[in-house]
Amino acid sequence: MHAPVTVVSLDEIESIPVGGREFSLRWLPVRHALGIRAFGANAYVADAEGDDVVEPHREGEDPARDHQELYFVARGRARFTIDDTDHEAPAGSYVFIPDPRSHRHAVALEAGTTVLSFGGPPTFEPSAWEWHFRAAPLMNDPASRPRAREILEEALVLHPDDGGVHYNAACLKALDGHPEAALDHLAAAIRLRPETAGWAREDEDLAALRDHERFAELTAAP
């Protein structure tokens, strides 16, 4: 049985005043409230302009918290100071801090400024679909096709056993006029992800391959 989905607004999460002489803000323990185990997630609220909305700290001071952090300004505006450099961030802004040793601090520029934070050790391996989605819109425009090639070449190195990557590589090779290379990638795609055979039969990006005997063999309906 699947674990139940939780839908909750920020305003429904209990806020806890934290700080003291050095800083003050309200903390919303998002990770605890939702039971998240994959990454850290919190939110912070500054009640007044000039209040802290991210406490001054470094993540890398404690090996157990050697985390990268991503902040998102959900409401209001904040001024982040990262290693003595200021960055103004209005609502809708992301602030990513890759180095746990960087000192970070943020102050609200409007009352009610709310900042979400997400953190964890840099062990995540991104899925291949990110490369698919980045490359696909570029393939049909000859001017942008070189960038699509770069993306898919990188994907083939990082995700050599992903059928979607090989399928997109087949489409690009066909559009570039390299039918044998396209068919090699298509064969790999179908072996790794059989449903791509059905995609290939209808995909106009592969139209140049349809007169090839090998294409008919690879995409024959079961």
Protein backbone atom coordinates (compact mmCIF):
# COMPACT_ATOMS: atom_id res chain seq x y z
CA MET A 1 0.00 0.00 0.00
CA HIS A 2 1.33 3.44 -0.92
CA ALA A 3 2.18 5.92 1.80
CA PRO A 4 -0.47 8.66 1.95
CA VAL A 5 0.14 11.94 0.17
CA THR A 6 0.23 15.06 2.34
CA VAL A 7 -0.93 18.45 1.10
CA VAL A 8 -0.38 21.32 3.52
CA SER A 9 0.02 25.08 3.28
CA LEU A 10 2.83 26.97 4.94
CA ASP A 11 0.31 28.67 7.19
CA GLU A 12 -0.82 25.31 8.57
CA ILE A 13 2.65 24.34 9.82
CA GLU A 14 3.38 25.29 13.40
CA SER A 15 5.91 28.10 13.62
CA ILE A 16 8.52 28.12 16.36
CA PRO A 17 10.33 31.30 17.45
CA VAL A 18 14.10 30.74 17.38
CA GLY A 19 17.18 32.87 17.82
CA GLY A 20 18.12 35.19 20.63
CA ARG A 21 20.60 38.00 20.80
CA GLU A 22 22.32 37.16 17.51
CA PHE A 23 19.22 36.64 15.35
CA SER A 24 15.46 36.10 15.56
CA LEU A 25 12.99 34.53 13.19
CA ARG A 26 10.13 32.05 13.07
CA TRP A 27 11.00 28.52 11.98
CA LEU A 28 8.54 26.22 10.22
CA PRO A 29 9.84 22.63 10.60
CA VAL A 30 8.64 21.43 7.20
CA ARG A 31 10.74 18.25 7.11
CA HIS A 32 9.47 17.15 10.51
CA ALA A 33 5.86 18.06 9.74
CA LEU A 34 5.83 16.01 6.53
CA GLY A 35 8.16 13.20 7.62
CA ILE A 36 10.61 13.80 4.74
CA ARG A 37 13.69 11.55 4.80
CA ALA A 38 15.29 12.30 1.41
CA PHE A 39 16.47 15.85 2.12
CA GLY A 40 16.19 18.66 4.63
CA ALA A 41 13.28 21.07 4.17
CA ASN A 42 12.41 24.07 6.31
CA ALA A 43 10.82 27.49 6.07
CA TYR A 44 11.58 30.72 7.87
CA VAL A 45 9.43 33.81 8.38
CA ALA A 46 10.50 37.34 9.32
CA ASP A 47 7.67 39.30 10.94
CA ALA A 48 9.23 42.70 10.33
CA GLU A 49 11.44 44.39 7.77
CA GLY A 50 15.05 44.08 8.88
CA ASP A 51 14.51 40.84 10.79
CA ASP A 52 16.62 37.82 10.01
CA VAL A 53 15.02 35.28 7.70
CA VAL A 54 18.05 32.97 7.45
CA GLU A 55 20.29 32.81 10.49
CA PRO A 56 24.03 33.50 10.02
CA HIS A 57 25.78 30.15 9.66
CA ARG A 58 27.94 27.77 7.64
CA GLU A 59 26.84 24.23 6.84
CA GLY A 60 30.38 22.85 6.59
CA GLU A 61 31.33 23.54 10.22
CA ASP A 62 29.80 20.22 11.28
CA PRO A 63 30.70 17.14 9.14
CA ALA A 64 27.23 15.75 9.84
CA ARG A 65 25.73 18.83 8.13
CA ASP A 66 28.09 19.05 5.16
CA HIS A 67 25.14 19.99 2.94
CA GLN A 68 24.51 22.02 -0.15
CA GLU A 69 21.58 24.38 0.35
CA LEU A 70 18.90 25.81 -1.91
CA TYR A 71 16.73 28.71 -0.74
CA PHE A 72 13.50 29.89 -2.35
CA VAL A 73 11.90 33.21 -1.50
CA ALA A 74 8.19 32.38 -1.35
CA ARG A 75 6.91 35.74 -0.10
CA GLY A 76 8.33 39.23 0.24
CA ARG A 77 11.96 40.14 -0.47
CA ALA A 78 15.23 39.18 1.17
CA ARG A 79 18.83 40.31 1.03
CA PHE A 80 21.19 37.33 1.17
CA THR A 81 24.79 37.89 2.19
CA ILE A 82 26.94 35.00 1.01
CA ASP A 83 30.62 35.25 1.92
CA ASP A 84 30.34 39.05 2.25
CA THR A 85 28.58 39.49 -1.11
CA ASP A 86 24.99 40.76 -1.12
CA HIS A 87 22.27 39.34 -3.36
CA GLU A 88 18.78 40.83 -3.38
CA ALA A 89 16.13 38.17 -3.92
CA PRO A 90 12.46 39.07 -4.49
CA ALA A 91 9.64 36.54 -4.25
CA GLY A 92 10.11 33.78 -6.81
CA SER A 93 13.92 33.78 -6.55
CA TYR A 94 16.14 30.77 -5.94
CA VAL A 95 19.46 31.17 -4.13
CA PHE A 96 21.73 28.13 -4.42
CA ILE A 97 24.82 27.77 -2.23
CA PRO A 98 26.93 24.84 -3.47
CA ASP A 99 29.79 25.13 -0.96
CA PRO A 100 28.84 24.12 2.59
CA ARG A 101 31.70 26.26 3.89
CA SER A 102 30.20 29.47 2.54
CA HIS A 103 28.84 31.76 5.23
CA ARG A 104 25.21 32.67 4.61
CA HIS A 105 22.73 35.10 6.16
CA ALA A 106 19.51 36.70 4.92
CA VAL A 107 17.52 39.68 6.14
CA ALA A 108 13.92 40.47 5.25
CA LEU A 109 13.34 43.59 3.15
CA GLU A 110 9.57 43.34 3.72
CA ALA A 111 7.48 42.26 6.69
CA GLY A 112 6.28 38.67 6.31
CA THR A 113 9.14 37.62 4.05
CA THR A 114 9.15 33.82 3.91
CA VAL A 115 12.10 31.74 2.73
CA LEU A 116 12.01 28.00 2.06
CA SER A 117 15.21 25.99 2.41
CA PHE A 118 16.21 22.59 1.06
CA GLY A 119 19.47 20.84 1.82
CA GLY A 120 21.36 17.61 1.77
CA PRO A 121 24.68 15.99 0.94
CA PRO A 122 25.61 16.15 -2.78
CA THR A 123 24.90 12.47 -3.50
CA PHE A 124 21.83 12.81 -5.73
CA GLU A 125 22.10 11.35 -9.23
CA PRO A 126 19.80 13.19 -11.68
CA SER A 127 17.55 11.12 -13.93
CA ALA A 128 18.10 10.89 -17.65
CA TRP A 129 14.80 12.61 -18.44
CA GLU A 130 16.45 15.98 -17.70
CA TRP A 131 18.67 15.51 -20.75
CA HIS A 132 15.71 14.32 -22.88
CA PHE A 133 13.68 17.40 -22.04
CA ARG A 134 16.60 19.76 -22.66
CA ALA A 135 17.58 18.28 -26.02
CA ALA A 136 14.21 17.51 -27.61
CA PRO A 137 13.09 21.11 -28.32
CA LEU A 138 16.44 21.89 -29.95
CA MET A 139 16.63 19.06 -32.46
CA ASN A 140 14.32 20.35 -35.20
CA ASP A 141 16.01 23.73 -35.56
CA PRO A 142 19.31 23.40 -37.46
CA ALA A 143 20.67 26.46 -35.68
CA SER A 144 20.17 24.93 -32.24
CA ARG A 145 20.99 21.33 -33.21
CA PRO A 146 24.68 21.57 -32.22
CA ARG A 147 23.57 22.28 -28.65
CA ALA A 148 21.25 19.27 -28.78
CA ARG A 149 24.23 17.14 -29.85
CA GLU A 150 26.27 18.36 -26.88
CA ILE A 151 23.46 17.54 -24.47
CA LEU A 152 22.89 14.05 -25.85
CA GLU A 153 26.60 13.25 -26.03
CA GLU A 154 26.82 14.09 -22.35
CA ALA A 155 23.71 12.00 -21.65
CA LEU A 156 25.16 8.96 -23.43
CA VAL A 157 28.22 9.14 -21.19
CA LEU A 158 26.25 9.59 -17.97
CA HIS A 159 23.26 7.34 -18.83
CA PRO A 160 24.48 4.78 -21.39
CA ASP A 161 21.77 2.29 -20.43
CA ASP A 162 18.80 4.61 -20.75
CA GLY A 163 16.49 3.79 -23.64
CA GLY A 164 15.14 7.33 -23.86
CA VAL A 165 18.60 8.77 -24.33
CA HIS A 166 19.32 6.35 -27.17
CA TYR A 167 15.94 7.09 -28.75
CA ASN A 168 16.61 10.82 -28.80
CA ALA A 169 20.10 10.17 -30.14
CA ALA A 170 18.53 8.10 -32.93
CA CYS A 171 16.21 10.97 -33.82
CA LEU A 172 19.08 13.45 -33.90
CA LYS A 173 21.29 11.21 -36.02
CA ALA A 174 18.43 10.69 -38.47
CA LEU A 175 17.85 14.43 -38.74
CA ASP A 176 21.58 14.92 -39.27
CA GLY A 177 21.58 12.43 -42.16
CA HIS A 178 23.45 9.57 -40.45
CA PRO A 179 21.06 6.63 -40.87
CA GLU A 180 23.38 3.83 -39.74
CA ALA A 181 24.26 5.60 -36.50
CA ALA A 182 20.58 6.41 -36.02
CA LEU A 183 19.62 2.77 -36.46
CA ASP A 184 22.30 1.69 -33.98
CA HIS A 185 20.86 4.03 -31.36
CA LEU A 186 17.33 2.95 -32.21
CA ALA A 187 18.28 -0.69 -31.74
CA ALA A 188 19.73 0.14 -28.33
CA ALA A 189 16.63 2.14 -27.41
CA ILE A 190 14.27 -0.71 -28.31
CA ARG A 191 16.41 -3.25 -26.46
CA LEU A 192 16.42 -1.11 -23.32
CA ARG A 193 12.87 0.25 -23.62
CA PRO A 194 10.73 -1.86 -25.97
CA GLU A 195 7.85 0.63 -26.21
CA THR A 196 10.11 2.96 -28.22
CA ALA A 197 9.49 0.72 -31.24
CA GLY A 198 5.93 2.01 -31.31
CA TRP A 199 7.11 5.60 -30.95
CA ALA A 200 9.50 5.13 -33.87
CA ARG A 201 6.78 3.95 -36.23
CA GLU A 202 4.98 7.30 -35.85
CA ASP A 203 7.86 9.71 -35.24
CA GLU A 204 8.52 12.12 -38.10
CA ASP A 205 12.05 12.71 -36.82
CA LEU A 206 12.77 9.16 -38.00
CA ALA A 207 11.01 9.44 -41.35
CA ALA A 208 14.33 9.20 -43.23
CA LEU A 209 14.85 5.70 -41.81
CA ARG A 210 11.57 4.15 -42.91
CA ASP A 211 12.88 2.85 -46.23
CA HIS A 212 15.65 0.92 -44.47
CA GLU A 213 15.07 -2.79 -44.07
CA ARG A 214 16.67 -2.71 -40.62
CA PHE A 215 14.17 -0.08 -39.45
CA ALA A 216 11.28 -2.31 -40.46
CA GLU A 217 12.83 -5.23 -38.59
CA LEU A 218 13.48 -3.20 -35.45
CA THR A 219 10.04 -1.63 -35.30
CA ALA A 220 7.89 -4.56 -36.44
CA ALA A 221 4.76 -4.83 -34.31
CA PRO A 222 4.71 -7.96 -32.12
